[in-house]
Amino acid sequence: MDTATGLHTVIEGTDASWLDEFDSALLAEARCSPLGRRLLARTLARGAASTLLAPAPKPALDRVVARWSPEKLRSLVRNIGVLAFAPAIRSEVGREPVRRLKLALDKRYLLALDRNVWDGEVPRDVQLRLQQAMRTALEETDATPGLLSLFDRHGCAELRSWAHPRDPAFTEWLALLHPREQALPPTHLPPSAVQQLYSVHAGN
């Protein structure tokens, strides 16, 4: 992926909340022109994406965005979020809640059950917090949107926490794909579990 294509991908994928100094009409217009995209890139480079968009002999932009398309990164986030809720998912035995979980997760339901990835051992207070959050989503008439939003938000928190000391440019790209003021929950996954899923997705 060349730098121009990578920059276009970043500008298109960045949540509008990171560019709230531009009004919505101007932002939409700027995303559609090379000059506008350069202006938006300069804004991000001065703040939220200072590492991702920094000039370098081999820019981080080329490395990160070439490997992590928005779709691929969102898939990783969701998988990590599902794994983070494994203790709650494994403890749910009610026929209707299990049916709803399987409907929402499809093949990811098996990831939550896979103890080879993570044994799911957490302190009791964490277990109760996860169960309560999941059950609240399960009580909705259509549980799928709430469950997926819950897993995505937690997956983003876990991945950002793991990635921040390891790859700041990747962390910035991950943050840009989500709302700027998104409140992230506390994390609990062991680094080895996040690393395992990251490595699998990076190789795909």
C-alpha atoms as a PDB file:
ATOM      1  CA  MET A   1       0.000   0.000   0.000  1.00  0.00           C
ATOM      2  CA  ASP A   2       1.462   3.402  -0.975  1.00  0.00           C
ATOM      3  CA  THR A   3       1.350   6.389   1.367  1.00  0.00           C
ATOM      4  CA  ALA A   4      -1.397   8.193  -0.543  1.00  0.00           C
ATOM      5  CA  THR A   5      -3.670   5.150  -0.393  1.00  0.00           C
ATOM      6  CA  GLY A   6      -2.891   4.655   3.285  1.00  0.00           C
ATOM      7  CA  LEU A   7      -3.671   8.281   4.032  1.00  0.00           C
ATOM      8  CA  HIS A   8      -6.975   8.024   2.174  1.00  0.00           C
ATOM      9  CA  THR A   9      -7.858   4.929   4.235  1.00  0.00           C
ATOM     10  CA  VAL A  10      -7.062   6.733   7.496  1.00  0.00           C
ATOM     11  CA  ILE A  11      -9.104   9.806   6.604  1.00  0.00           C
ATOM     12  CA  GLU A  12     -12.070   7.699   5.482  1.00  0.00           C
ATOM     13  CA  GLY A  13     -11.907   5.478   8.555  1.00  0.00           C
ATOM     14  CA  THR A  14     -11.427   8.187  11.182  1.00  0.00           C
ATOM     15  CA  ASP A  15     -14.515   8.767  13.316  1.00  0.00           C
ATOM     16  CA  ALA A  16     -15.837  12.304  12.825  1.00  0.00           C
ATOM     17  CA  SER A  17     -15.445  13.063  16.545  1.00  0.00           C
ATOM     18  CA  TRP A  18     -11.669  13.303  16.056  1.00  0.00           C
ATOM     19  CA  LEU A  19     -12.221  16.092  13.526  1.00  0.00           C
ATOM     20  CA  ASP A  20     -14.938  18.025  15.332  1.00  0.00           C
ATOM     21  CA  GLU A  21     -13.232  21.366  14.658  1.00  0.00           C
ATOM     22  CA  PHE A  22     -14.614  21.056  11.126  1.00  0.00           C
ATOM     23  CA  ASP A  23     -18.356  21.408  10.587  1.00  0.00           C
ATOM     24  CA  SER A  24     -20.047  18.344   9.110  1.00  0.00           C
ATOM     25  CA  ALA A  25     -20.523  19.787   5.612  1.00  0.00           C
ATOM     26  CA  LEU A  26     -16.900  20.942   5.382  1.00  0.00           C
ATOM     27  CA  LEU A  27     -15.654  17.617   6.730  1.00  0.00           C
ATOM     28  CA  ALA A  28     -17.632  15.630   4.158  1.00  0.00           C
ATOM     29  CA  GLU A  29     -16.256  17.817   1.377  1.00  0.00           C
ATOM     30  CA  ALA A  30     -12.687  17.623   2.681  1.00  0.00           C
ATOM     31  CA  ARG A  31     -12.759  13.810   2.784  1.00  0.00           C
ATOM     32  CA  CYS A  32     -13.513  13.785  -0.961  1.00  0.00           C
ATOM     33  CA  SER A  33     -10.581  15.837  -2.251  1.00  0.00           C
ATOM     34  CA  PRO A  34      -6.793  15.339  -2.152  1.00  0.00           C
ATOM     35  CA  LEU A  35      -6.273  18.868  -0.781  1.00  0.00           C
ATOM     36  CA  GLY A  36      -8.955  18.350   1.870  1.00  0.00           C
ATOM     37  CA  ARG A  37      -7.474  15.027   2.932  1.00  0.00           C
ATOM     38  CA  ARG A  38      -4.049  16.639   3.333  1.00  0.00           C
ATOM     39  CA  LEU A  39      -5.623  19.328   5.541  1.00  0.00           C
ATOM     40  CA  LEU A  40      -7.342  16.703   7.666  1.00  0.00           C
ATOM     41  CA  ALA A  41      -4.133  14.678   7.858  1.00  0.00           C
ATOM     42  CA  ARG A  42      -2.201  17.707   9.122  1.00  0.00           C
ATOM     43  CA  THR A  43      -4.844  18.189  11.824  1.00  0.00           C
ATOM     44  CA  LEU A  44      -4.535  14.563  12.944  1.00  0.00           C
ATOM     45  CA  ALA A  45      -0.733  14.628  12.728  1.00  0.00           C
ATOM     46  CA  ARG A  46      -0.644  17.527  15.194  1.00  0.00           C
ATOM     47  CA  GLY A  47      -2.571  15.519  17.766  1.00  0.00           C
ATOM     48  CA  ALA A  48      -4.370  12.172  17.729  1.00  0.00           C
ATOM     49  CA  ALA A  49      -2.190  10.549  15.053  1.00  0.00           C
ATOM     50  CA  SER A  50       1.190  12.148  15.699  1.00  0.00           C
ATOM     51  CA  THR A  51       3.022   8.806  15.542  1.00  0.00           C
ATOM     52  CA  LEU A  52       0.920   7.197  12.825  1.00  0.00           C
ATOM     53  CA  LEU A  53       1.324  10.143  10.450  1.00  0.00           C
ATOM     54  CA  ALA A  54       4.849  11.220  11.413  1.00  0.00           C
ATOM     55  CA  PRO A  55       7.286  11.493   8.499  1.00  0.00           C
ATOM     56  CA  ALA A  56       9.991   8.850   8.640  1.00  0.00           C
ATOM     57  CA  PRO A  57      12.252   6.890   6.284  1.00  0.00           C
ATOM     58  CA  LYS A  58       9.642   4.135   6.466  1.00  0.00           C
ATOM     59  CA  PRO A  59       6.406   5.761   7.665  1.00  0.00           C
ATOM     60  CA  ALA A  60       4.370   3.918  10.268  1.00  0.00           C
ATOM     61  CA  LEU A  61       1.318   4.706   8.167  1.00  0.00           C
ATOM     62  CA  ASP A  62       2.404   2.317   5.420  1.00  0.00           C
ATOM     63  CA  ARG A  63       3.178  -0.486   7.869  1.00  0.00           C
ATOM     64  CA  VAL A  64       0.083  -0.185  10.067  1.00  0.00           C
ATOM     65  CA  VAL A  65      -2.652   0.552   7.570  1.00  0.00           C
ATOM     66  CA  ALA A  66      -1.358  -1.918   4.992  1.00  0.00           C
ATOM     67  CA  ARG A  67      -1.649  -4.698   7.557  1.00  0.00           C
ATOM     68  CA  TRP A  68      -4.762  -3.480   9.360  1.00  0.00           C
ATOM     69  CA  SER A  69      -7.666  -2.436   7.178  1.00  0.00           C
ATOM     70  CA  PRO A  70     -10.615  -1.009   9.154  1.00  0.00           C
ATOM     71  CA  GLU A  71     -12.579  -4.219   8.580  1.00  0.00           C
ATOM     72  CA  LYS A  72      -9.744  -6.458   9.757  1.00  0.00           C
ATOM     73  CA  LEU A  73      -9.090  -4.350  12.841  1.00  0.00           C
ATOM     74  CA  ARG A  74     -12.768  -4.264  13.791  1.00  0.00           C
ATOM     75  CA  SER A  75     -12.910  -8.051  13.482  1.00  0.00           C
ATOM     76  CA  LEU A  76      -9.950  -8.339  15.864  1.00  0.00           C
ATOM     77  CA  VAL A  77     -11.602  -5.919  18.301  1.00  0.00           C
ATOM     78  CA  ARG A  78     -14.801  -7.957  18.329  1.00  0.00           C
ATOM     79  CA  ASN A  79     -12.967 -11.240  18.865  1.00  0.00           C
ATOM     80  CA  ILE A  80     -11.034  -9.781  21.781  1.00  0.00           C
ATOM     81  CA  GLY A  81     -14.246  -8.410  23.258  1.00  0.00           C
ATOM     82  CA  VAL A  82     -15.951 -11.791  22.994  1.00  0.00           C
ATOM     83  CA  LEU A  83     -12.954 -13.445  24.644  1.00  0.00           C
ATOM     84  CA  ALA A  84     -13.019 -10.855  27.427  1.00  0.00           C
ATOM     85  CA  PHE A  85     -16.611 -11.854  28.166  1.00  0.00           C
ATOM     86  CA  ALA A  86     -15.796 -15.568  28.141  1.00  0.00           C
ATOM     87  CA  PRO A  87     -16.296 -15.917  31.916  1.00  0.00           C
ATOM     88  CA  ALA A  88     -19.837 -14.570  31.620  1.00  0.00           C
ATOM     89  CA  ILE A  89     -20.625 -16.435  28.408  1.00  0.00           C
ATOM     90  CA  ARG A  90     -19.427 -19.750  29.836  1.00  0.00           C
ATOM     91  CA  SER A  91     -21.480 -19.281  32.993  1.00  0.00           C
ATOM     92  CA  GLU A  92     -24.723 -18.633  31.081  1.00  0.00           C
ATOM     93  CA  VAL A  93     -26.694 -21.869  30.831  1.00  0.00           C
ATOM     94  CA  GLY A  94     -30.254 -20.631  30.295  1.00  0.00           C
ATOM     95  CA  ARG A  95     -31.715 -21.940  27.056  1.00  0.00           C
ATOM     96  CA  GLU A  96     -32.960 -18.570  25.752  1.00  0.00           C
ATOM     97  CA  PRO A  97     -29.855 -16.537  26.737  1.00  0.00           C
ATOM     98  CA  VAL A  98     -27.609 -19.155  25.121  1.00  0.00           C
ATOM     99  CA  ARG A  99     -29.733 -19.074  21.974  1.00  0.00           C
ATOM    100  CA  ARG A 100     -29.410 -15.285  21.834  1.00  0.00           C
ATOM    101  CA  LEU A 101     -25.677 -15.418  22.383  1.00  0.00           C
ATOM    102  CA  LYS A 102     -25.219 -17.975  19.620  1.00  0.00           C
ATOM    103  CA  LEU A 103     -27.377 -15.885  17.296  1.00  0.00           C
ATOM    104  CA  ALA A 104     -25.303 -12.766  17.958  1.00  0.00           C
ATOM    105  CA  LEU A 105     -21.884 -14.421  17.909  1.00  0.00           C
ATOM    106  CA  ASP A 106     -22.234 -17.213  15.354  1.00  0.00           C
ATOM    107  CA  LYS A 107     -18.788 -18.910  15.166  1.00  0.00           C
ATOM    108  CA  ARG A 108     -17.337 -16.531  17.746  1.00  0.00           C
ATOM    109  CA  TYR A 109     -19.363 -18.360  20.377  1.00  0.00           C
ATOM    110  CA  LEU A 110     -16.820 -21.189  20.130  1.00  0.00           C
ATOM    111  CA  LEU A 111     -13.998 -18.700  20.751  1.00  0.00           C
ATOM    112  CA  ALA A 112     -15.572 -17.792  24.082  1.00  0.00           C
ATOM    113  CA  LEU A 113     -15.608 -21.473  25.056  1.00  0.00           C
ATOM    114  CA  ASP A 114     -12.018 -22.222  23.983  1.00  0.00           C
ATOM    115  CA  ARG A 115      -9.933 -22.598  27.135  1.00  0.00           C
ATOM    116  CA  ASN A 116      -6.800 -23.087  25.033  1.00  0.00           C
ATOM    117  CA  VAL A 117      -6.899 -19.376  24.246  1.00  0.00           C
ATOM    118  CA  TRP A 118      -7.736 -18.278  27.808  1.00  0.00           C
ATOM    119  CA  ASP A 119      -8.870 -20.151  30.910  1.00  0.00           C
ATOM    120  CA  GLY A 120     -11.291 -17.364  31.822  1.00  0.00           C
ATOM    121  CA  GLU A 121     -10.233 -17.106  35.445  1.00  0.00           C
ATOM    122  CA  VAL A 122     -11.138 -13.678  36.895  1.00  0.00           C
ATOM    123  CA  PRO A 123     -11.787 -12.265  40.384  1.00  0.00           C
ATOM    124  CA  ARG A 124     -15.379 -12.550  41.571  1.00  0.00           C
ATOM    125  CA  ASP A 125     -16.078  -8.824  41.251  1.00  0.00           C
ATOM    126  CA  VAL A 126     -15.004  -8.897  37.598  1.00  0.00           C
ATOM    127  CA  GLN A 127     -17.145 -11.985  36.959  1.00  0.00           C
ATOM    128  CA  LEU A 128     -20.193 -10.272  38.433  1.00  0.00           C
ATOM    129  CA  ARG A 129     -19.579  -7.063  36.477  1.00  0.00           C
ATOM    130  CA  LEU A 130     -19.319  -8.966  33.188  1.00  0.00           C
ATOM    131  CA  GLN A 131     -22.420 -11.043  33.931  1.00  0.00           C
ATOM    132  CA  GLN A 132     -24.483  -7.975  34.802  1.00  0.00           C
ATOM    133  CA  ALA A 133     -23.423  -6.082  31.663  1.00  0.00           C
ATOM    134  CA  MET A 134     -24.155  -9.063  29.443  1.00  0.00           C
ATOM    135  CA  ARG A 135     -27.508  -9.844  31.033  1.00  0.00           C
ATOM    136  CA  THR A 136     -28.624  -6.237  30.587  1.00  0.00           C
ATOM    137  CA  ALA A 137     -27.951  -6.567  26.859  1.00  0.00           C
ATOM    138  CA  LEU A 138     -29.647  -9.972  26.742  1.00  0.00           C
ATOM    139  CA  GLU A 139     -32.846  -8.492  28.179  1.00  0.00           C
ATOM    140  CA  GLU A 140     -33.401  -6.298  25.118  1.00  0.00           C
ATOM    141  CA  THR A 141     -36.065  -7.399  22.641  1.00  0.00           C
ATOM    142  CA  ASP A 142     -33.337  -7.712  20.011  1.00  0.00           C
ATOM    143  CA  ALA A 143     -30.241  -8.568  22.006  1.00  0.00           C
ATOM    144  CA  THR A 144     -27.766  -8.718  19.115  1.00  0.00           C
ATOM    145  CA  PRO A 145     -26.999  -4.984  18.642  1.00  0.00           C
ATOM    146  CA  GLY A 146     -26.481  -4.422  22.358  1.00  0.00           C
ATOM    147  CA  LEU A 147     -24.301  -7.499  22.753  1.00  0.00           C
ATOM    148  CA  LEU A 148     -22.106  -6.628  19.784  1.00  0.00           C
ATOM    149  CA  SER A 149     -21.730  -3.035  20.978  1.00  0.00           C
ATOM    150  CA  LEU A 150     -20.767  -4.311  24.424  1.00  0.00           C
ATOM    151  CA  PHE A 151     -18.160  -6.723  23.056  1.00  0.00           C
ATOM    152  CA  ASP A 152     -16.760  -4.131  20.644  1.00  0.00           C
ATOM    153  CA  ARG A 153     -16.351  -1.496  23.353  1.00  0.00           C
ATOM    154  CA  HIS A 154     -14.597  -3.941  25.656  1.00  0.00           C
ATOM    155  CA  GLY A 155     -12.466  -5.348  22.854  1.00  0.00           C
ATOM    156  CA  CYS A 156     -11.320  -1.829  21.976  1.00  0.00           C
ATOM    157  CA  ALA A 157     -10.349  -1.183  25.600  1.00  0.00           C
ATOM    158  CA  GLU A 158      -8.425  -4.445  25.898  1.00  0.00           C
ATOM    159  CA  LEU A 159      -6.585  -3.979  22.609  1.00  0.00           C
ATOM    160  CA  ARG A 160      -5.688  -0.342  23.289  1.00  0.00           C
ATOM    161  CA  SER A 161      -4.367  -1.236  26.737  1.00  0.00           C
ATOM    162  CA  TRP A 162      -2.242  -4.046  25.315  1.00  0.00           C
ATOM    163  CA  ALA A 163      -1.002  -2.162  22.250  1.00  0.00           C
ATOM    164  CA  HIS A 164      -0.187   1.219  23.798  1.00  0.00           C
ATOM    165  CA  PRO A 165       3.291   0.332  25.127  1.00  0.00           C
ATOM    166  CA  ARG A 166       4.060  -1.932  22.167  1.00  0.00           C
ATOM    167  CA  ASP A 167       3.023  -0.005  19.053  1.00  0.00           C
ATOM    168  CA  PRO A 168       1.843   3.612  19.496  1.00  0.00           C
ATOM    169  CA  ALA A 169       1.049   4.038  15.784  1.00  0.00           C
ATOM    170  CA  PHE A 170      -1.210   0.974  15.786  1.00  0.00           C
ATOM    171  CA  THR A 171      -2.875   2.246  18.971  1.00  0.00           C
ATOM    172  CA  GLU A 172      -3.600   5.588  17.316  1.00  0.00           C
ATOM    173  CA  TRP A 173      -5.158   3.921  14.275  1.00  0.00           C
ATOM    174  CA  LEU A 174      -7.314   1.772  16.543  1.00  0.00           C
ATOM    175  CA  ALA A 175      -8.447   4.844  18.491  1.00  0.00           C
ATOM    176  CA  LEU A 176      -9.292   6.817  15.340  1.00  0.00           C
ATOM    177  CA  LEU A 177     -11.753   4.129  14.216  1.00  0.00           C
ATOM    178  CA  HIS A 178     -13.848   4.674  17.364  1.00  0.00           C
ATOM    179  CA  PRO A 179     -15.541   7.735  18.899  1.00  0.00           C
ATOM    180  CA  ARG A 180     -13.093  10.088  20.580  1.00  0.00           C
ATOM    181  CA  GLU A 181     -14.953  10.375  23.871  1.00  0.00           C
ATOM    182  CA  GLN A 182     -15.963   6.721  24.062  1.00  0.00           C
ATOM    183  CA  ALA A 183     -15.903   5.628  27.706  1.00  0.00           C
ATOM    184  CA  LEU A 184     -13.837   2.465  27.895  1.00  0.00           C
ATOM    185  CA  PRO A 185     -14.349  -0.163  30.610  1.00  0.00           C
ATOM    186  CA  PRO A 186     -11.607  -1.549  32.856  1.00  0.00           C
ATOM    187  CA  THR A 187      -9.575  -4.358  31.352  1.00  0.00           C
ATOM    188  CA  HIS A 188      -8.738  -7.816  32.657  1.00  0.00           C
ATOM    189  CA  LEU A 189      -7.474 -10.028  29.818  1.00  0.00           C
ATOM    190  CA  PRO A 190      -3.919 -11.357  30.244  1.00  0.00           C
ATOM    191  CA  PRO A 191      -1.506  -9.909  27.650  1.00  0.00           C
ATOM    192  CA  SER A 192      -0.785 -13.402  26.303  1.00  0.00           C
ATOM    193  CA  ALA A 193      -4.426 -13.886  25.267  1.00  0.00           C
ATOM    194  CA  VAL A 194      -4.549 -10.541  23.436  1.00  0.00           C
ATOM    195  CA  GLN A 195      -1.188 -11.307  21.812  1.00  0.00           C
ATOM    196  CA  GLN A 196      -2.469 -14.640  20.564  1.00  0.00           C
ATOM    197  CA  LEU A 197      -5.508 -13.159  18.828  1.00  0.00           C
ATOM    198  CA  TYR A 198      -3.460 -10.233  17.484  1.00  0.00           C
ATOM    199  CA  SER A 199      -0.930 -12.638  15.954  1.00  0.00           C
ATOM    200  CA  VAL A 200      -3.633 -14.791  14.345  1.00  0.00           C
ATOM    201  CA  HIS A 201      -5.323 -11.778  12.752  1.00  0.00           C
ATOM    202  CA  ALA A 202      -2.028 -10.186  11.718  1.00  0.00           C
ATOM    203  CA  GLY A 203      -1.157 -13.327   9.794  1.00  0.00           C
ATOM    204  CA  ASN A 204      -4.471 -13.529   7.951  1.00  0.00           C
END
